[in-house]
PDB file of N, CA and C in Angstrom:
ATOM      1  N   MET A   1      30.474 214.147  32.436  1.00  0.00           N
ATOM      2  CA  MET A   1      31.664 213.378  32.724  1.00  0.00           C
ATOM      3  C   MET A   1      31.751 212.223  31.731  1.00  0.00           C
ATOM      4  N   LEU A   2      32.903 212.058  31.142  1.00  0.00           N
ATOM      5  CA  LEU A   2      33.166 210.957  30.230  1.00  0.00           C
ATOM      6  C   LEU A   2      33.531 209.727  31.056  1.00  0.00           C
ATOM      7  N   LYS A   3      32.906 208.587  30.767  1.00  0.00           N
ATOM      8  CA  LYS A   3      33.238 207.339  31.455  1.00  0.00           C
ATOM      9  C   LYS A   3      33.723 206.345  30.413  1.00  0.00           C
ATOM     10  N   LEU A   4      34.875 205.737  30.679  1.00  0.00           N
ATOM     11  CA  LEU A   4      35.479 204.782  29.756  1.00  0.00           C
ATOM     12  C   LEU A   4      35.784 203.479  30.486  1.00  0.00           C
ATOM     13  N   SER A   5      35.832 202.413  29.732  1.00  0.00           N
ATOM     14  CA  SER A   5      36.348 201.167  30.296  1.00  0.00           C
ATOM     15  C   SER A   5      37.589 200.810  29.492  1.00  0.00           C
ATOM     16  N   LEU A   6      38.602 200.362  30.190  1.00  0.00           N
ATOM     17  CA  LEU A   6      39.863 200.009  29.559  1.00  0.00           C
ATOM     18  C   LEU A   6      40.260 198.604  29.969  1.00  0.00           C
ATOM     19  N   LEU A   7      40.951 197.935  29.092  1.00  0.00           N
ATOM     20  CA  LEU A   7      41.568 196.662  29.413  1.00  0.00           C
ATOM     21  C   LEU A   7      43.021 196.938  29.773  1.00  0.00           C
ATOM     22  N   PRO A   8      43.657 196.034  30.505  1.00  0.00           N
ATOM     23  CA  PRO A   8      45.062 196.255  30.835  1.00  0.00           C
ATOM     24  C   PRO A   8      45.886 196.550  29.580  1.00  0.00           C
ATOM     25  N   GLU A   9      46.803 197.486  29.722  1.00  0.00           N
ATOM     26  CA  GLU A   9      47.710 197.984  28.688  1.00  0.00           C
ATOM     27  C   GLU A   9      47.048 198.984  27.739  1.00  0.00           C
ATOM     28  N   GLU A  10      45.726 199.179  27.812  1.00  0.00           N
ATOM     29  CA  GLU A  10      45.093 200.225  27.015  1.00  0.00           C
ATOM     30  C   GLU A  10      45.348 201.568  27.689  1.00  0.00           C
ATOM     31  N   TYR A  11      45.242 202.627  26.935  1.00  0.00           N
ATOM     32  CA  TYR A  11      45.544 203.947  27.480  1.00  0.00           C
ATOM     33  C   TYR A  11      44.600 204.982  26.914  1.00  0.00           C
ATOM     34  N   LEU A  12      44.638 206.166  27.519  1.00  0.00           N
ATOM     35  CA  LEU A  12      43.908 207.308  27.001  1.00  0.00           C
ATOM     36  C   LEU A  12      44.820 208.524  27.121  1.00  0.00           C
ATOM     37  N   THR A  13      44.552 209.529  26.311  1.00  0.00           N
ATOM     38  CA  THR A  13      45.344 210.755  26.365  1.00  0.00           C
ATOM     39  C   THR A  13      44.446 211.894  26.812  1.00  0.00           C
ATOM     40  N   ILE A  14      45.033 212.841  27.524  1.00  0.00           N
ATOM     41  CA  ILE A  14      44.337 214.049  27.951  1.00  0.00           C
ATOM     42  C   ILE A  14      45.162 215.205  27.408  1.00  0.00           C
ATOM     43  N   GLY A  15      44.594 215.922  26.471  1.00  0.00           N
ATOM     44  CA  GLY A  15      45.354 216.980  25.819  1.00  0.00           C
ATOM     45  C   GLY A  15      46.501 216.373  25.023  1.00  0.00           C
ATOM     46  N   ASP A  16      47.566 217.160  24.875  1.00  0.00           N
ATOM     47  CA  ASP A  16      48.712 216.690  24.097  1.00  0.00           C
ATOM     48  C   ASP A  16      49.812 216.071  24.947  1.00  0.00           C
ATOM     49  N   SER A  17      49.760 216.292  26.265  1.00  0.00           N
ATOM     50  CA  SER A  17      50.922 215.900  27.059  1.00  0.00           C
ATOM     51  C   SER A  17      50.627 214.961  28.234  1.00  0.00           C
ATOM     52  N   THR A  18      49.407 214.464  28.359  1.00  0.00           N
ATOM     53  CA  THR A  18      49.094 213.572  29.471  1.00  0.00           C
ATOM     54  C   THR A  18      48.592 212.238  28.927  1.00  0.00           C
ATOM     55  N   VAL A  19      49.196 211.161  29.404  1.00  0.00           N
ATOM     56  CA  VAL A  19      48.811 209.812  28.992  1.00  0.00           C
ATOM     57  C   VAL A  19      48.523 209.010  30.259  1.00  0.00           C
ATOM     58  N   VAL A  20      47.385 208.327  30.270  1.00  0.00           N
ATOM     59  CA  VAL A  20      47.002 207.465  31.391  1.00  0.00           C
ATOM     60  C   VAL A  20      46.832 206.061  30.830  1.00  0.00           C
ATOM     61  N   GLN A  21      47.565 205.102  31.419  1.00  0.00           N
ATOM     62  CA  GLN A  21      47.490 203.714  30.969  1.00  0.00           C
ATOM     63  C   GLN A  21      47.036 202.835  32.124  1.00  0.00           C
ATOM     64  N   LEU A  22      46.124 201.920  31.838  1.00  0.00           N
ATOM     65  CA  LEU A  22      45.727 200.922  32.824  1.00  0.00           C
ATOM     66  C   LEU A  22      46.798 199.845  32.786  1.00  0.00           C
ATOM     67  N   SER A  23      47.623 199.790  33.823  1.00  0.00           N
ATOM     68  CA  SER A  23      48.737 198.841  33.850  1.00  0.00           C
ATOM     69  C   SER A  23      48.260 197.425  34.104  1.00  0.00           C
ATOM     70  N   ARG A  24      47.452 197.267  35.148  1.00  0.00           N
ATOM     71  CA  ARG A  24      46.928 195.939  35.463  1.00  0.00           C
ATOM     72  C   ARG A  24      45.760 196.073  36.428  1.00  0.00           C
ATOM     73  N   VAL A  25      45.006 194.996  36.546  1.00  0.00           N
ATOM     74  CA  VAL A  25      43.911 194.913  37.494  1.00  0.00           C
ATOM     75  C   VAL A  25      44.128 193.636  38.282  1.00  0.00           C
ATOM     76  N   ALA A  26      44.182 193.753  39.588  1.00  0.00           N
ATOM     77  CA  ALA A  26      44.403 192.575  40.427  1.00  0.00           C
ATOM     78  C   ALA A  26      43.862 192.833  41.818  1.00  0.00           C
ATOM     79  N   GLY A  27      43.242 191.827  42.382  1.00  0.00           N
ATOM     80  CA  GLY A  27      42.774 191.919  43.762  1.00  0.00           C
ATOM     81  C   GLY A  27      41.821 193.058  44.017  1.00  0.00           C
ATOM     82  N   GLY A  28      40.968 193.383  43.048  1.00  0.00           N
ATOM     83  CA  GLY A  28      40.003 194.456  43.240  1.00  0.00           C
ATOM     84  C   GLY A  28      40.585 195.843  43.083  1.00  0.00           C
ATOM     85  N   ARG A  29      41.794 195.955  42.578  1.00  0.00           N
ATOM     86  CA  ARG A  29      42.442 197.254  42.387  1.00  0.00           C
ATOM     87  C   ARG A  29      42.833 197.423  40.932  1.00  0.00           C
ATOM     88  N   ALA A  30      42.772 198.656  40.484  1.00  0.00           N
ATOM     89  CA  ALA A  30      43.262 199.006  39.151  1.00  0.00           C
ATOM     90  C   ALA A  30      44.541 199.811  39.338  1.00  0.00           C
ATOM     91  N   TYR A  31      45.575 199.466  38.604  1.00  0.00           N
ATOM     92  CA  TYR A  31      46.859 200.151  38.695  1.00  0.00           C
ATOM     93  C   TYR A  31      47.042 201.011  37.439  1.00  0.00           C
ATOM     94  N   LEU A  32      47.210 202.300  37.652  1.00  0.00           N
ATOM     95  CA  LEU A  32      47.344 203.244  36.561  1.00  0.00           C
ATOM     96  C   LEU A  32      48.772 203.753  36.454  1.00  0.00           C
ATOM     97  N   SER A  33      49.211 203.995  35.229  1.00  0.00           N
ATOM     98  CA  SER A  33      50.479 204.683  34.976  1.00  0.00           C
ATOM     99  C   SER A  33      50.107 206.013  34.341  1.00  0.00           C
ATOM    100  N   ILE A  34      50.640 207.098  34.883  1.00  0.00           N
ATOM    101  CA  ILE A  34      50.292 208.435  34.390  1.00  0.00           C
ATOM    102  C   ILE A  34      51.564 209.162  33.983  1.00  0.00           C
ATOM    103  N   GLU A  35      51.593 209.642  32.763  1.00  0.00           N
ATOM    104  CA  GLU A  35      52.700 210.460  32.258  1.00  0.00           C
ATOM    105  C   GLU A  35      52.134 211.852  32.029  1.00  0.00           C
ATOM    106  N   ALA A  36      52.621 212.813  32.807  1.00  0.00           N
ATOM    107  CA  ALA A  36      52.121 214.180  32.699  1.00  0.00           C
ATOM    108  C   ALA A  36      53.259 215.145  32.998  1.00  0.00           C
ATOM    109  N   ASP A  37      53.107 216.367  32.567  1.00  0.00           N
ATOM    110  CA  ASP A  37      54.069 217.409  32.867  1.00  0.00           C
ATOM    111  C   ASP A  37      54.136 217.585  34.383  1.00  0.00           C
ATOM    112  N   ARG A  38      55.318 217.828  34.915  1.00  0.00           N
ATOM    113  CA  ARG A  38      55.496 217.971  36.361  1.00  0.00           C
ATOM    114  C   ARG A  38      54.689 219.129  36.942  1.00  0.00           C
ATOM    115  N   SER A  39      54.310 220.079  36.107  1.00  0.00           N
ATOM    116  CA  SER A  39      53.543 221.223  36.606  1.00  0.00           C
ATOM    117  C   SER A  39      52.069 220.866  36.848  1.00  0.00           C
ATOM    118  N   VAL A  40      51.639 219.694  36.375  1.00  0.00           N
ATOM    119  CA  VAL A  40      50.251 219.260  36.550  1.00  0.00           C
ATOM    120  C   VAL A  40      50.152 218.491  37.865  1.00  0.00           C
ATOM    121  N   PRO A  41      49.419 219.020  38.856  1.00  0.00           N
ATOM    122  CA  PRO A  41      49.308 218.292  40.123  1.00  0.00           C
ATOM    123  C   PRO A  41      48.415 217.065  39.970  1.00  0.00           C
ATOM    124  N   ILE A  42      48.883 215.943  40.486  1.00  0.00           N
ATOM    125  CA  ILE A  42      48.107 214.699  40.489  1.00  0.00           C
ATOM    126  C   ILE A  42      47.994 214.279  41.947  1.00  0.00           C
ATOM    127  N   VAL A  43      46.766 214.317  42.478  1.00  0.00           N
ATOM    128  CA  VAL A  43      46.547 214.042  43.897  1.00  0.00           C
ATOM    129  C   VAL A  43      45.442 213.009  44.034  1.00  0.00           C
ATOM    130  N   ARG A  44      45.694 211.995  44.825  1.00  0.00           N
ATOM    131  CA  ARG A  44      44.668 210.983  45.111  1.00  0.00           C
ATOM    132  C   ARG A  44      43.514 211.663  45.845  1.00  0.00           C
ATOM    133  N   GLY A  45      42.274 211.357  45.469  1.00  0.00           N
ATOM    134  CA  GLY A  45      41.100 211.986  46.056  1.00  0.00           C
ATOM    135  C   GLY A  45      41.032 211.866  47.561  1.00  0.00           C
ATOM    136  N   GLU A  46      41.391 210.714  48.072  1.00  0.00           N
ATOM    137  CA  GLU A  46      41.366 210.483  49.519  1.00  0.00           C
ATOM    138  C   GLU A  46      42.277 211.486  50.239  1.00  0.00           C
ATOM    139  N   LEU A  47      43.465 211.724  49.685  1.00  0.00           N
ATOM    140  CA  LEU A  47      44.400 212.673  50.290  1.00  0.00           C
ATOM    141  C   LEU A  47      43.879 214.104  50.173  1.00  0.00           C
ATOM    142  N   LEU A  48      43.328 214.443  49.026  1.00  0.00           N
ATOM    143  CA  LEU A  48      42.772 215.779  48.806  1.00  0.00           C
ATOM    144  C   LEU A  48      41.699 216.087  49.849  1.00  0.00           C
ATOM    145  N   GLU A  49      40.779 215.157  50.042  1.00  0.00           N
ATOM    146  CA  GLU A  49      39.690 215.372  50.997  1.00  0.00           C
ATOM    147  C   GLU A  49      40.190 215.384  52.437  1.00  0.00           C
ATOM    148  N   ARG A  50      41.181 214.547  52.750  1.00  0.00           N
ATOM    149  CA  ARG A  50      41.741 214.507  54.099  1.00  0.00           C
ATOM    150  C   ARG A  50      42.397 215.838  54.449  1.00  0.00           C
ATOM    151  N   GLU A  51      42.979 216.510  53.451  1.00  0.00           N
ATOM    152  CA  GLU A  51      43.648 217.787  53.686  1.00  0.00           C
ATOM    153  C   GLU A  51      42.706 218.979  53.545  1.00  0.00           C
ATOM    154  N   GLY A  52      41.389 218.712  53.520  1.00  0.00           N
ATOM    155  CA  GLY A  52      40.412 219.787  53.524  1.00  0.00           C
ATOM    156  C   GLY A  52      39.856 220.152  52.165  1.00  0.00           C
ATOM    157  N   GLY A  53      40.318 219.503  51.113  1.00  0.00           N
ATOM    158  CA  GLY A  53      39.776 219.758  49.784  1.00  0.00           C
ATOM    159  C   GLY A  53      38.368 219.199  49.666  1.00  0.00           C
ATOM    160  N   THR A  54      37.645 219.632  48.663  1.00  0.00           N
ATOM    161  CA  THR A  54      36.279 219.145  48.485  1.00  0.00           C
ATOM    162  C   THR A  54      36.224 218.145  47.340  1.00  0.00           C
ATOM    163  N   ARG A  55      35.307 217.228  47.471  1.00  0.00           N
ATOM    164  CA  ARG A  55      35.083 216.233  46.423  1.00  0.00           C
ATOM    165  C   ARG A  55      34.535 216.948  45.201  1.00  0.00           C
ATOM    166  N   PRO A  56      35.096 216.688  44.003  1.00  0.00           N
ATOM    167  CA  PRO A  56      34.593 217.357  42.802  1.00  0.00           C
ATOM    168  C   PRO A  56      33.091 217.117  42.613  1.00  0.00           C
ATOM    169  N   ALA A  57      32.381 218.159  42.222  1.00  0.00           N
ATOM    170  CA  ALA A  57      30.927 218.088  42.083  1.00  0.00           C
ATOM    171  C   ALA A  57      30.497 217.111  40.992  1.00  0.00           C
ATOM    172  N   CYS A  58      31.363 216.850  40.022  1.00  0.00           N
ATOM    173  CA  CYS A  58      30.994 215.965  38.919  1.00  0.00           C
ATOM    174  C   CYS A  58      30.948 214.493  39.331  1.00  0.00           C
ATOM    175  N   LEU A  59      31.492 214.161  40.496  1.00  0.00           N
ATOM    176  CA  LEU A  59      31.490 212.775  40.958  1.00  0.00           C
ATOM    177  C   LEU A  59      30.209 212.452  41.717  1.00  0.00           C
ATOM    178  N   ALA A  60      29.806 211.201  41.598  1.00  0.00           N
ATOM    179  CA  ALA A  60      28.642 210.754  42.361  1.00  0.00           C
ATOM    180  C   ALA A  60      29.014 210.758  43.841  1.00  0.00           C
ATOM    181  N   PRO A  61      28.059 211.016  44.715  1.00  0.00           N
ATOM    182  CA  PRO A  61      28.377 210.991  46.150  1.00  0.00           C
ATOM    183  C   PRO A  61      28.785 209.588  46.564  1.00  0.00           C
ATOM    184  N   PRO A  62      29.638 209.478  47.571  1.00  0.00           N
ATOM    185  CA  PRO A  62      30.051 208.143  48.016  1.00  0.00           C
ATOM    186  C   PRO A  62      28.846 207.341  48.474  1.00  0.00           C
ATOM    187  N   SER A  63      28.837 206.057  48.149  1.00  0.00           N
ATOM    188  CA  SER A  63      27.682 205.214  48.459  1.00  0.00           C
ATOM    189  C   SER A  63      27.661 204.783  49.917  1.00  0.00           C
ATOM    190  N   GLY A  64      28.786 204.885  50.582  1.00  0.00           N
ATOM    191  CA  GLY A  64      28.856 204.408  51.956  1.00  0.00           C
ATOM    192  C   GLY A  64      29.201 202.940  52.037  1.00  0.00           C
ATOM    193  N   LYS A  65      29.159 202.251  50.903  1.00  0.00           N
ATOM    194  CA  LYS A  65      29.502 200.832  50.875  1.00  0.00           C
ATOM    195  C   LYS A  65      31.004 200.702  50.655  1.00  0.00           C
ATOM    196  N   HIS A  66      31.573 199.644  51.189  1.00  0.00           N
ATOM    197  CA  HIS A  66      32.999 199.382  51.023  1.00  0.00           C
ATOM    198  C   HIS A  66      33.160 198.221  50.049  1.00  0.00           C
ATOM    199  N   PHE A  67      32.955 198.507  48.756  1.00  0.00           N
ATOM    200  CA  PHE A  67      32.991 197.455  47.745  1.00  0.00           C
ATOM    201  C   PHE A  67      34.319 196.724  47.731  1.00  0.00           C
ATOM    202  N   ARG A  68      35.408 197.497  47.765  1.00  0.00           N
ATOM    203  CA  ARG A  68      36.727 196.889  47.641  1.00  0.00           C
ATOM    204  C   ARG A  68      36.972 195.897  48.766  1.00  0.00           C
ATOM    205  N   ARG A  69      36.726 196.317  49.992  1.00  0.00           N
ATOM    206  CA  ARG A  69      36.977 195.428  51.121  1.00  0.00           C
ATOM    207  C   ARG A  69      36.086 194.194  51.052  1.00  0.00           C
ATOM    208  N   CYS A  70      34.838 194.407  50.735  1.00  0.00           N
ATOM    209  CA  CYS A  70      33.892 193.298  50.668  1.00  0.00           C
ATOM    210  C   CYS A  70      34.277 192.331  49.554  1.00  0.00           C
ATOM    211  N   ARG A  71      34.564 192.853  48.376  1.00  0.00           N
ATOM    212  CA  ARG A  71      34.907 192.006  47.245  1.00  0.00           C
ATOM    213  C   ARG A  71      36.199 191.249  47.526  1.00  0.00           C
ATOM    214  N   ASP A  72      37.217 191.934  48.081  1.00  0.00           N
ATOM    215  CA  ASP A  72      38.489 191.280  48.369  1.00  0.00           C
ATOM    216  C   ASP A  72      38.353 190.204  49.434  1.00  0.00           C
ATOM    217  N   ARG A  73      37.415 190.387  50.333  1.00  0.00           N
ATOM    218  CA  ARG A  73      37.215 189.383  51.368  1.00  0.00           C
ATOM    219  C   ARG A  73      36.782 188.064  50.724  1.00  0.00           C
ATOM    220  N   TYR A  74      36.013 188.149  49.665  1.00  0.00           N
ATOM    221  CA  TYR A  74      35.524 186.940  49.021  1.00  0.00           C
ATOM    222  C   TYR A  74      36.441 186.447  47.914  1.00  0.00           C
ATOM    223  N   PHE A  75      37.203 187.329  47.288  1.00  0.00           N
ATOM    224  CA  PHE A  75      38.034 186.894  46.169  1.00  0.00           C
ATOM    225  C   PHE A  75      39.309 187.720  46.115  1.00  0.00           C
ATOM    226  N   SER A  76      40.208 187.477  47.024  1.00  0.00           N
ATOM    227  CA  SER A  76      41.496 188.157  46.957  1.00  0.00           C
ATOM    228  C   SER A  76      42.439 187.293  46.134  1.00  0.00           C
ATOM    229  N   TRP A  77      43.147 187.912  45.216  1.00  0.00           N
ATOM    230  CA  TRP A  77      44.035 187.176  44.325  1.00  0.00           C
ATOM    231  C   TRP A  77      45.361 186.959  45.028  1.00  0.00           C
ATOM    232  N   ASN A  78      45.897 185.748  44.933  1.00  0.00           N
ATOM    233  CA  ASN A  78      47.184 185.461  45.547  1.00  0.00           C
ATOM    234  C   ASN A  78      47.851 184.312  44.788  1.00  0.00           C
ATOM    235  N   ASP A  79      49.040 183.934  45.209  1.00  0.00           N
ATOM    236  CA  ASP A  79      49.790 182.879  44.520  1.00  0.00           C
ATOM    237  C   ASP A  79      49.073 181.532  44.564  1.00  0.00           C
ATOM    238  N   ASP A  80      48.397 181.237  45.674  1.00  0.00           N
ATOM    239  CA  ASP A  80      47.675 179.967  45.762  1.00  0.00           C
ATOM    240  C   ASP A  80      46.578 179.879  44.715  1.00  0.00           C
ATOM    241  N   ARG A  81      45.851 180.970  44.522  1.00  0.00           N
ATOM    242  CA  ARG A  81      44.793 180.966  43.500  1.00  0.00           C
ATOM    243  C   ARG A  81      45.391 180.852  42.107  1.00  0.00           C
ATOM    244  N   GLU A  82      46.523 181.497  41.901  1.00  0.00           N
ATOM    245  CA  GLU A  82      47.190 181.409  40.600  1.00  0.00           C
ATOM    246  C   GLU A  82      47.581 179.958  40.297  1.00  0.00           C
ATOM    247  N   ARG A  83      48.166 179.286  41.283  1.00  0.00           N
ATOM    248  CA  ARG A  83      48.545 177.883  41.095  1.00  0.00           C
ATOM    249  C   ARG A  83      47.305 177.015  40.861  1.00  0.00           C
ATOM    250  N   ALA A  84      46.235 177.287  41.580  1.00  0.00           N
ATOM    251  CA  ALA A  84      45.005 176.507  41.424  1.00  0.00           C
ATOM    252  C   ALA A  84      44.454 176.633  40.006  1.00  0.00           C
ATOM    253  N   VAL A  85      44.470 177.846  39.468  1.00  0.00           N
ATOM    254  CA  VAL A  85      43.973 178.039  38.103  1.00  0.00           C
ATOM    255  C   VAL A  85      44.864 177.295  37.112  1.00  0.00           C
ATOM    256  N   ARG A  86      46.163 177.361  37.326  1.00  0.00           N
ATOM    257  CA  ARG A  86      47.096 176.665  36.426  1.00  0.00           C
ATOM    258  C   ARG A  86      46.838 175.160  36.451  1.00  0.00           C
ATOM    259  N   VAL A  87      46.630 174.583  37.646  1.00  0.00           N
ATOM    260  CA  VAL A  87      46.360 173.148  37.775  1.00  0.00           C
ATOM    261  C   VAL A  87      45.023 172.804  37.119  1.00  0.00           C
ATOM    262  N   MET A  88      44.005 173.658  37.308  1.00  0.00           N
ATOM    263  CA  MET A  88      42.707 173.404  36.667  1.00  0.00           C
ATOM    264  C   MET A  88      42.847 173.367  35.152  1.00  0.00           C
ATOM    265  N   LYS A  89      43.609 174.298  34.597  1.00  0.00           N
ATOM    266  CA  LYS A  89      43.784 174.328  33.141  1.00  0.00           C
ATOM    267  C   LYS A  89      44.542 173.099  32.653  1.00  0.00           C
ATOM    268  N   GLN A  90      45.541 172.645  33.405  1.00  0.00           N
ATOM    269  CA  GLN A  90      46.269 171.433  33.027  1.00  0.00           C
ATOM    270  C   GLN A  90      45.337 170.223  33.075  1.00  0.00           C
ATOM    271  N   THR A  91      44.475 170.178  34.082  1.00  0.00           N
ATOM    272  CA  THR A  91      43.521 169.078  34.210  1.00  0.00           C
ATOM    273  C   THR A  91      42.532 169.094  33.048  1.00  0.00           C
ATOM    274  N   LEU A  92      42.083 170.279  32.659  1.00  0.00           N
ATOM    275  CA  LEU A  92      41.165 170.384  31.523  1.00  0.00           C
ATOM    276  C   LEU A  92      41.849 169.942  30.235  1.00  0.00           C
ATOM    277  N   ASP A  93      43.112 170.300  30.059  1.00  0.00           N
ATOM    278  CA  ASP A  93      43.862 169.843  28.878  1.00  0.00           C
ATOM    279  C   ASP A  93      43.940 168.312  28.858  1.00  0.00           C
ATOM    280  N   GLN A  94      44.164 167.715  30.036  1.00  0.00           N
ATOM    281  CA  GLN A  94      44.236 166.253  30.131  1.00  0.00           C
ATOM    282  C   GLN A  94      42.886 165.625  29.804  1.00  0.00           C
ATOM    283  N   LEU A  95      41.812 166.214  30.277  1.00  0.00           N
ATOM    284  CA  LEU A  95      40.475 165.709  29.943  1.00  0.00           C
ATOM    285  C   LEU A  95      40.249 165.706  28.440  1.00  0.00           C
ATOM    286  N   GLU A  96      40.673 166.780  27.777  1.00  0.00           N
ATOM    287  CA  GLU A  96      40.523 166.849  26.321  1.00  0.00           C
ATOM    288  C   GLU A  96      41.339 165.758  25.634  1.00  0.00           C
ATOM    289  N   ARG A  97      42.570 165.526  26.104  1.00  0.00           N
ATOM    290  CA  ARG A  97      43.420 164.477  25.509  1.00  0.00           C
ATOM    291  C   ARG A  97      42.817 163.090  25.734  1.00  0.00           C
ATOM    292  N   ASP A  98      42.107 162.927  26.850  1.00  0.00           N
ATOM    293  CA  ASP A  98      41.506 161.632  27.178  1.00  0.00           C
ATOM    294  C   ASP A  98      40.146 161.419  26.512  1.00  0.00           C
ATOM    295  N   GLY A  99      39.725 162.368  25.683  1.00  0.00           N
ATOM    296  CA  GLY A  99      38.480 162.191  24.943  1.00  0.00           C
ATOM    297  C   GLY A  99      37.247 162.794  25.581  1.00  0.00           C
ATOM    298  N   ALA A 100      37.402 163.580  26.616  1.00  0.00           N
ATOM    299  CA  ALA A 100      36.256 164.207  27.273  1.00  0.00           C
ATOM    300  C   ALA A 100      36.219 165.705  26.940  1.00  0.00           C
ATOM    301  N   ALA A 101      36.319 166.006  25.652  1.00  0.00           N
ATOM    302  CA  ALA A 101      36.398 167.399  25.213  1.00  0.00           C
ATOM    303  C   ALA A 101      35.151 168.187  25.579  1.00  0.00           C
ATOM    304  N   GLU A 102      33.988 167.561  25.481  1.00  0.00           N
ATOM    305  CA  GLU A 102      32.734 168.267  25.790  1.00  0.00           C
ATOM    306  C   GLU A 102      32.677 168.669  27.268  1.00  0.00           C
ATOM    307  N   ALA A 103      33.046 167.756  28.144  1.00  0.00           N
ATOM    308  CA  ALA A 103      33.063 168.055  29.581  1.00  0.00           C
ATOM    309  C   ALA A 103      34.117 169.116  29.895  1.00  0.00           C
ATOM    310  N   ALA A 104      35.277 169.010  29.250  1.00  0.00           N
ATOM    311  CA  ALA A 104      36.341 169.989  29.472  1.00  0.00           C
ATOM    312  C   ALA A 104      35.887 171.379  29.043  1.00  0.00           C
ATOM    313  N   GLN A 105      35.195 171.460  27.917  1.00  0.00           N
ATOM    314  CA  GLN A 105      34.718 172.766  27.436  1.00  0.00           C
ATOM    315  C   GLN A 105      33.680 173.348  28.381  1.00  0.00           C
ATOM    316  N   ALA A 106      32.814 172.521  28.914  1.00  0.00           N
ATOM    317  CA  ALA A 106      31.806 173.001  29.871  1.00  0.00           C
ATOM    318  C   ALA A 106      32.486 173.552  31.117  1.00  0.00           C
ATOM    319  N   LEU A 107      33.506 172.866  31.586  1.00  0.00           N
ATOM    320  CA  LEU A 107      34.239 173.340  32.763  1.00  0.00           C
ATOM    321  C   LEU A 107      35.033 174.611  32.457  1.00  0.00           C
ATOM    322  N   ARG A 108      35.620 174.714  31.250  1.00  0.00           N
ATOM    323  CA  ARG A 108      36.343 175.940  30.859  1.00  0.00           C
ATOM    324  C   ARG A 108      35.402 177.144  30.857  1.00  0.00           C
ATOM    325  N   THR A 109      34.189 176.928  30.375  1.00  0.00           N
ATOM    326  CA  THR A 109      33.204 178.006  30.354  1.00  0.00           C
ATOM    327  C   THR A 109      32.922 178.492  31.777  1.00  0.00           C
ATOM    328  N   GLN A 110      32.773 177.559  32.703  1.00  0.00           N
ATOM    329  CA  GLN A 110      32.520 177.946  34.092  1.00  0.00           C
ATOM    330  C   GLN A 110      33.734 178.636  34.712  1.00  0.00           C
ATOM    331  N   LEU A 111      34.930 178.175  34.386  1.00  0.00           N
ATOM    332  CA  LEU A 111      36.151 178.800  34.888  1.00  0.00           C
ATOM    333  C   LEU A 111      36.271 180.233  34.372  1.00  0.00           C
ATOM    334  N   ASP A 112      35.897 180.453  33.104  1.00  0.00           N
ATOM    335  CA  ASP A 112      35.929 181.806  32.537  1.00  0.00           C
ATOM    336  C   ASP A 112      34.947 182.731  33.244  1.00  0.00           C
ATOM    337  N   ARG A 113      33.852 182.184  33.731  1.00  0.00           N
ATOM    338  CA  ARG A 113      32.886 183.005  34.465  1.00  0.00           C
ATOM    339  C   ARG A 113      33.409 183.382  35.847  1.00  0.00           C
ATOM    340  N   ILE A 114      34.204 182.510  36.437  1.00  0.00           N
ATOM    341  CA  ILE A 114      34.736 182.767  37.772  1.00  0.00           C
ATOM    342  C   ILE A 114      35.901 183.747  37.716  1.00  0.00           C
ATOM    343  N   ILE A 115      36.781 183.580  36.736  1.00  0.00           N
ATOM    344  CA  ILE A 115      37.989 184.399  36.648  1.00  0.00           C
ATOM    345  C   ILE A 115      37.905 185.238  35.381  1.00  0.00           C
ATOM    346  N   PRO A 116      37.791 186.556  35.509  1.00  0.00           N
ATOM    347  CA  PRO A 116      37.716 187.420  34.337  1.00  0.00           C
ATOM    348  C   PRO A 116      38.935 187.263  33.436  1.00  0.00           C
ATOM    349  N   THR A 117      38.722 187.419  32.151  1.00  0.00           N
ATOM    350  CA  THR A 117      39.768 187.229  31.155  1.00  0.00           C
ATOM    351  C   THR A 117      40.985 188.093  31.426  1.00  0.00           C
ATOM    352  N   PHE A 118      40.793 189.363  31.838  1.00  0.00           N
ATOM    353  CA  PHE A 118      41.950 190.232  32.028  1.00  0.00           C
ATOM    354  C   PHE A 118      42.826 189.752  33.171  1.00  0.00           C
ATOM    355  N   TRP A 119      42.280 189.002  34.150  1.00  0.00           N
ATOM    356  CA  TRP A 119      43.119 188.428  35.206  1.00  0.00           C
ATOM    357  C   TRP A 119      43.857 187.209  34.674  1.00  0.00           C
ATOM    358  N   GLU A 120      43.213 186.443  33.785  1.00  0.00           N
ATOM    359  CA  GLU A 120      43.859 185.267  33.231  1.00  0.00           C
ATOM    360  C   GLU A 120      45.141 185.659  32.514  1.00  0.00           C
ATOM    361  N   ASP A 121      45.132 186.774  31.804  1.00  0.00           N
ATOM    362  CA  ASP A 121      46.327 187.216  31.089  1.00  0.00           C
ATOM    363  C   ASP A 121      47.489 187.423  32.038  1.00  0.00           C
ATOM    364  N   GLU A 122      47.212 187.893  33.244  1.00  0.00           N
ATOM    365  CA  GLU A 122      48.268 188.153  34.220  1.00  0.00           C
ATOM    366  C   GLU A 122      48.798 186.884  34.853  1.00  0.00           C
ATOM    367  N   ILE A 123      48.005 185.811  34.903  1.00  0.00           N
ATOM    368  CA  ILE A 123      48.446 184.652  35.649  1.00  0.00           C
ATOM    369  C   ILE A 123      49.060 183.572  34.760  1.00  0.00           C
ATOM    370  N   THR A 124      49.011 183.742  33.458  1.00  0.00           N
ATOM    371  CA  THR A 124      49.618 182.729  32.611  1.00  0.00           C
ATOM    372  C   THR A 124      51.125 182.853  32.708  1.00  0.00           C
ATOM    373  N   PRO A 125      51.807 181.720  32.839  1.00  0.00           N
ATOM    374  CA  PRO A 125      53.261 181.750  33.010  1.00  0.00           C
ATOM    375  C   PRO A 125      53.995 182.189  31.768  1.00  0.00           C
TER     376      PRO A 125
END
């Protein structure tokens, strides 16, 4: 099995007629855009298994852990968090203007560790 990592707006092709693009990542979810011939069935795994289909053998068995729910419980993205990040960045800009560039840079580094870069791209106005 080929495993790839993509950043938002990056894409991959399958054959000559299928394109999969990572549209965005937010709140622990990845949003995909898929362009394929209508004759190619595209079915979410959860639905396939619910209707009696089997999980493809090439996939790792489910871990039993609910990563998405757990992760979202601790860090769900919303408008309040977006505003908070914007205010933090404005405050850091003010610190730099006031001559505390070293402290501002240290705080920016910590902010980058908390909020992944690909989410920052989505929240900038």
